[in-house]
Amino acid sequence: IEVKKRVGLATLGQVLGYRFLYLREYTEISSVPLLIVCSQIDK
């Protein structure tokens, strides 16, 4: 879960990177749900 006041494309990249690293470390897990919580989205 990534929680930020304002979210942009960089935040999406962070979350995808976290997922990649997690799946590489824990090979017995096949999927990880991703969640971003924010109050504003940059356009």
PDB file of N, CA and C in Angstrom:
ATOM      1  N   ILE A   1       0.857  -1.171   0.000  1.00  0.00           N
ATOM      2  CA  ILE A   1       0.000   0.000   0.000  1.00  0.00           C
ATOM      3  C   ILE A   1       0.902   1.231   0.000  1.00  0.00           C
ATOM      4  N   GLU A   2       0.660   2.120  -0.930  1.00  0.00           N
ATOM      5  CA  GLU A   2       1.388   3.388  -0.998  1.00  0.00           C
ATOM      6  C   GLU A   2       0.392   4.498  -0.670  1.00  0.00           C
ATOM      7  N   VAL A   3       0.696   5.314   0.331  1.00  0.00           N
ATOM      8  CA  VAL A   3      -0.192   6.403   0.740  1.00  0.00           C
ATOM      9  C   VAL A   3       0.544   7.720   0.541  1.00  0.00           C
ATOM     10  N   LYS A   4      -0.047   8.593  -0.281  1.00  0.00           N
ATOM     11  CA  LYS A   4       0.542   9.905  -0.541  1.00  0.00           C
ATOM     12  C   LYS A   4      -0.568  10.925  -0.698  1.00  0.00           C
ATOM     13  N   LYS A   5      -0.236  12.168  -0.420  1.00  0.00           N
ATOM     14  CA  LYS A   5      -1.218  13.237  -0.592  1.00  0.00           C
ATOM     15  C   LYS A   5      -1.494  13.475  -2.077  1.00  0.00           C
ATOM     16  N   ARG A   6      -0.427  13.533  -2.867  1.00  0.00           N
ATOM     17  CA  ARG A   6      -0.554  13.793  -4.301  1.00  0.00           C
ATOM     18  C   ARG A   6       0.187  12.690  -5.057  1.00  0.00           C
ATOM     19  N   VAL A   7      -0.473  12.127  -6.054  1.00  0.00           N
ATOM     20  CA  VAL A   7       0.082  10.992  -6.791  1.00  0.00           C
ATOM     21  C   VAL A   7       0.313  11.370  -8.246  1.00  0.00           C
ATOM     22  N   GLY A   8       1.456  10.953  -8.762  1.00  0.00           N
ATOM     23  CA  GLY A   8       1.786  11.137 -10.165  1.00  0.00           C
ATOM     24  C   GLY A   8       2.307   9.830 -10.742  1.00  0.00           C
ATOM     25  N   LEU A   9       2.839   9.916 -11.924  1.00  0.00           N
ATOM     26  CA  LEU A   9       3.347   8.726 -12.609  1.00  0.00           C
ATOM     27  C   LEU A   9       4.491   8.067 -11.835  1.00  0.00           C
ATOM     28  N   ALA A  10       5.284   8.857 -11.147  1.00  0.00           N
ATOM     29  CA  ALA A  10       6.396   8.300 -10.360  1.00  0.00           C
ATOM     30  C   ALA A  10       5.894   7.359  -9.270  1.00  0.00           C
ATOM     31  N   THR A  11       4.760   7.687  -8.672  1.00  0.00           N
ATOM     32  CA  THR A  11       4.191   6.826  -7.627  1.00  0.00           C
ATOM     33  C   THR A  11       3.792   5.478  -8.203  1.00  0.00           C
ATOM     34  N   LEU A  12       3.212   5.488  -9.386  1.00  0.00           N
ATOM     35  CA  LEU A  12       2.860   4.229 -10.046  1.00  0.00           C
ATOM     36  C   LEU A  12       4.115   3.397 -10.282  1.00  0.00           C
ATOM     37  N   GLY A  13       5.190   4.036 -10.720  1.00  0.00           N
ATOM     38  CA  GLY A  13       6.452   3.336 -10.910  1.00  0.00           C
ATOM     39  C   GLY A  13       6.994   2.748  -9.619  1.00  0.00           C
ATOM     40  N   GLN A  14       6.862   3.483  -8.524  1.00  0.00           N
ATOM     41  CA  GLN A  14       7.306   2.970  -7.219  1.00  0.00           C
ATOM     42  C   GLN A  14       6.557   1.697  -6.848  1.00  0.00           C
ATOM     43  N   VAL A  15       5.238   1.731  -6.990  1.00  0.00           N
ATOM     44  CA  VAL A  15       4.416   0.583  -6.604  1.00  0.00           C
ATOM     45  C   VAL A  15       4.733  -0.626  -7.481  1.00  0.00           C
ATOM     46  N   LEU A  16       4.911  -0.408  -8.771  1.00  0.00           N
ATOM     47  CA  LEU A  16       5.270  -1.518  -9.659  1.00  0.00           C
ATOM     48  C   LEU A  16       6.650  -2.069  -9.308  1.00  0.00           C
ATOM     49  N   GLY A  17       7.570  -1.193  -8.929  1.00  0.00           N
ATOM     50  CA  GLY A  17       8.896  -1.633  -8.502  1.00  0.00           C
ATOM     51  C   GLY A  17       8.846  -2.450  -7.223  1.00  0.00           C
ATOM     52  N   TYR A  18       8.037  -2.001  -6.258  1.00  0.00           N
ATOM     53  CA  TYR A  18       7.868  -2.765  -5.015  1.00  0.00           C
ATOM     54  C   TYR A  18       7.345  -4.161  -5.323  1.00  0.00           C
ATOM     55  N   ARG A  19       6.367  -4.249  -6.227  1.00  0.00           N
ATOM     56  CA  ARG A  19       5.784  -5.551  -6.590  1.00  0.00           C
ATOM     57  C   ARG A  19       6.844  -6.458  -7.216  1.00  0.00           C
ATOM     58  N   PHE A  20       7.626  -5.911  -8.133  1.00  0.00           N
ATOM     59  CA  PHE A  20       8.681  -6.680  -8.792  1.00  0.00           C
ATOM     60  C   PHE A  20       9.664  -7.242  -7.768  1.00  0.00           C
ATOM     61  N   LEU A  21      10.128  -6.388  -6.853  1.00  0.00           N
ATOM     62  CA  LEU A  21      11.095  -6.831  -5.848  1.00  0.00           C
ATOM     63  C   LEU A  21      10.496  -7.862  -4.897  1.00  0.00           C
ATOM     64  N   TYR A  22       9.237  -7.671  -4.508  1.00  0.00           N
ATOM     65  CA  TYR A  22       8.565  -8.605  -3.599  1.00  0.00           C
ATOM     66  C   TYR A  22       8.438  -9.981  -4.245  1.00  0.00           C
ATOM     67  N   LEU A  23       7.998 -10.011  -5.500  1.00  0.00           N
ATOM     68  CA  LEU A  23       7.829 -11.296  -6.187  1.00  0.00           C
ATOM     69  C   LEU A  23       9.174 -11.981  -6.437  1.00  0.00           C
ATOM     70  N   ARG A  24      10.219 -11.197  -6.627  1.00  0.00           N
ATOM     71  CA  ARG A  24      11.554 -11.781  -6.807  1.00  0.00           C
ATOM     72  C   ARG A  24      12.056 -12.402  -5.505  1.00  0.00           C
ATOM     73  N   GLU A  25      11.741 -11.783  -4.377  1.00  0.00           N
ATOM     74  CA  GLU A  25      12.176 -12.275  -3.069  1.00  0.00           C
ATOM     75  C   GLU A  25      11.353 -13.472  -2.602  1.00  0.00           C
ATOM     76  N   TYR A  26      10.053 -13.431  -2.837  1.00  0.00           N
ATOM     77  CA  TYR A  26       9.134 -14.474  -2.369  1.00  0.00           C
ATOM     78  C   TYR A  26       8.573 -15.225  -3.575  1.00  0.00           C
ATOM     79  N   THR A  27       9.356 -16.143  -4.096  1.00  0.00           N
ATOM     80  CA  THR A  27       9.017 -16.831  -5.346  1.00  0.00           C
ATOM     81  C   THR A  27       7.811 -17.752  -5.230  1.00  0.00           C
ATOM     82  N   GLU A  28       7.425 -18.136  -4.019  1.00  0.00           N
ATOM     83  CA  GLU A  28       6.263 -19.013  -3.856  1.00  0.00           C
ATOM     84  C   GLU A  28       4.943 -18.255  -4.019  1.00  0.00           C
ATOM     85  N   ILE A  29       4.995 -16.935  -4.034  1.00  0.00           N
ATOM     86  CA  ILE A  29       3.789 -16.112  -4.213  1.00  0.00           C
ATOM     87  C   ILE A  29       3.670 -15.744  -5.684  1.00  0.00           C
ATOM     88  N   SER A  30       2.468 -15.902  -6.249  1.00  0.00           N
ATOM     89  CA  SER A  30       2.301 -15.654  -7.683  1.00  0.00           C
ATOM     90  C   SER A  30       1.703 -14.288  -8.005  1.00  0.00           C
ATOM     91  N   SER A  31       0.987 -13.666  -7.068  1.00  0.00           N
ATOM     92  CA  SER A  31       0.450 -12.336  -7.350  1.00  0.00           C
ATOM     93  C   SER A  31       0.387 -11.507  -6.071  1.00  0.00           C
ATOM     94  N   VAL A  32       0.489 -10.201  -6.250  1.00  0.00           N
ATOM     95  CA  VAL A  32       0.458  -9.263  -5.130  1.00  0.00           C
ATOM     96  C   VAL A  32      -0.512  -8.141  -5.499  1.00  0.00           C
ATOM     97  N   PRO A  33      -1.543  -7.922  -4.684  1.00  0.00           N
ATOM     98  CA  PRO A  33      -2.449  -6.806  -4.984  1.00  0.00           C
ATOM     99  C   PRO A  33      -1.746  -5.469  -4.732  1.00  0.00           C
ATOM    100  N   LEU A  34      -1.982  -4.519  -5.610  1.00  0.00           N
ATOM    101  CA  LEU A  34      -1.374  -3.197  -5.489  1.00  0.00           C
ATOM    102  C   LEU A  34      -2.443  -2.187  -5.097  1.00  0.00           C
ATOM    103  N   LEU A  35      -2.080  -1.225  -4.243  1.00  0.00           N
ATOM    104  CA  LEU A  35      -3.045  -0.227  -3.793  1.00  0.00           C
ATOM    105  C   LEU A  35      -2.344   1.104  -3.570  1.00  0.00           C
ATOM    106  N   ILE A  36      -2.915   2.154  -4.159  1.00  0.00           N
ATOM    107  CA  ILE A  36      -2.441   3.517  -3.948  1.00  0.00           C
ATOM    108  C   ILE A  36      -3.602   4.313  -3.366  1.00  0.00           C
ATOM    109  N   VAL A  37      -3.353   4.991  -2.235  1.00  0.00           N
ATOM    110  CA  VAL A  37      -4.361   5.831  -1.590  1.00  0.00           C
ATOM    111  C   VAL A  37      -3.868   7.274  -1.668  1.00  0.00           C
ATOM    112  N   CYS A  38      -4.720   8.172  -2.178  1.00  0.00           N
ATOM    113  CA  CYS A  38      -4.312   9.567  -2.314  1.00  0.00           C
ATOM    114  C   CYS A  38      -5.525  10.489  -2.269  1.00  0.00           C
ATOM    115  N   SER A  39      -5.254  11.797  -2.148  1.00  0.00           N
ATOM    116  CA  SER A  39      -6.336  12.772  -2.201  1.00  0.00           C
ATOM    117  C   SER A  39      -6.322  13.558  -3.505  1.00  0.00           C
ATOM    118  N   GLN A  40      -5.181  13.570  -4.228  1.00  0.00           N
ATOM    119  CA  GLN A  40      -5.076  14.267  -5.506  1.00  0.00           C
ATOM    120  C   GLN A  40      -4.246  13.448  -6.479  1.00  0.00           C
ATOM    121  N   ILE A  41      -4.607  13.555  -7.762  1.00  0.00           N
ATOM    122  CA  ILE A  41      -3.859  12.879  -8.815  1.00  0.00           C
ATOM    123  C   ILE A  41      -3.336  13.940  -9.776  1.00  0.00           C
ATOM    124  N   ASP A  42      -2.024  13.948 -10.029  1.00  0.00           N
ATOM    125  CA  ASP A  42      -1.437  14.861 -11.013  1.00  0.00           C
ATOM    126  C   ASP A  42      -1.845  14.425 -12.408  1.00  0.00           C
ATOM    127  N   LYS A  43      -2.063  15.393 -13.265  1.00  0.00           N
ATOM    128  CA  LYS A  43      -2.435  15.076 -14.654  1.00  0.00           C
ATOM    129  C   LYS A  43      -1.246  15.178 -15.560  1.00  0.00           C
TER     130      LYS A  43
END
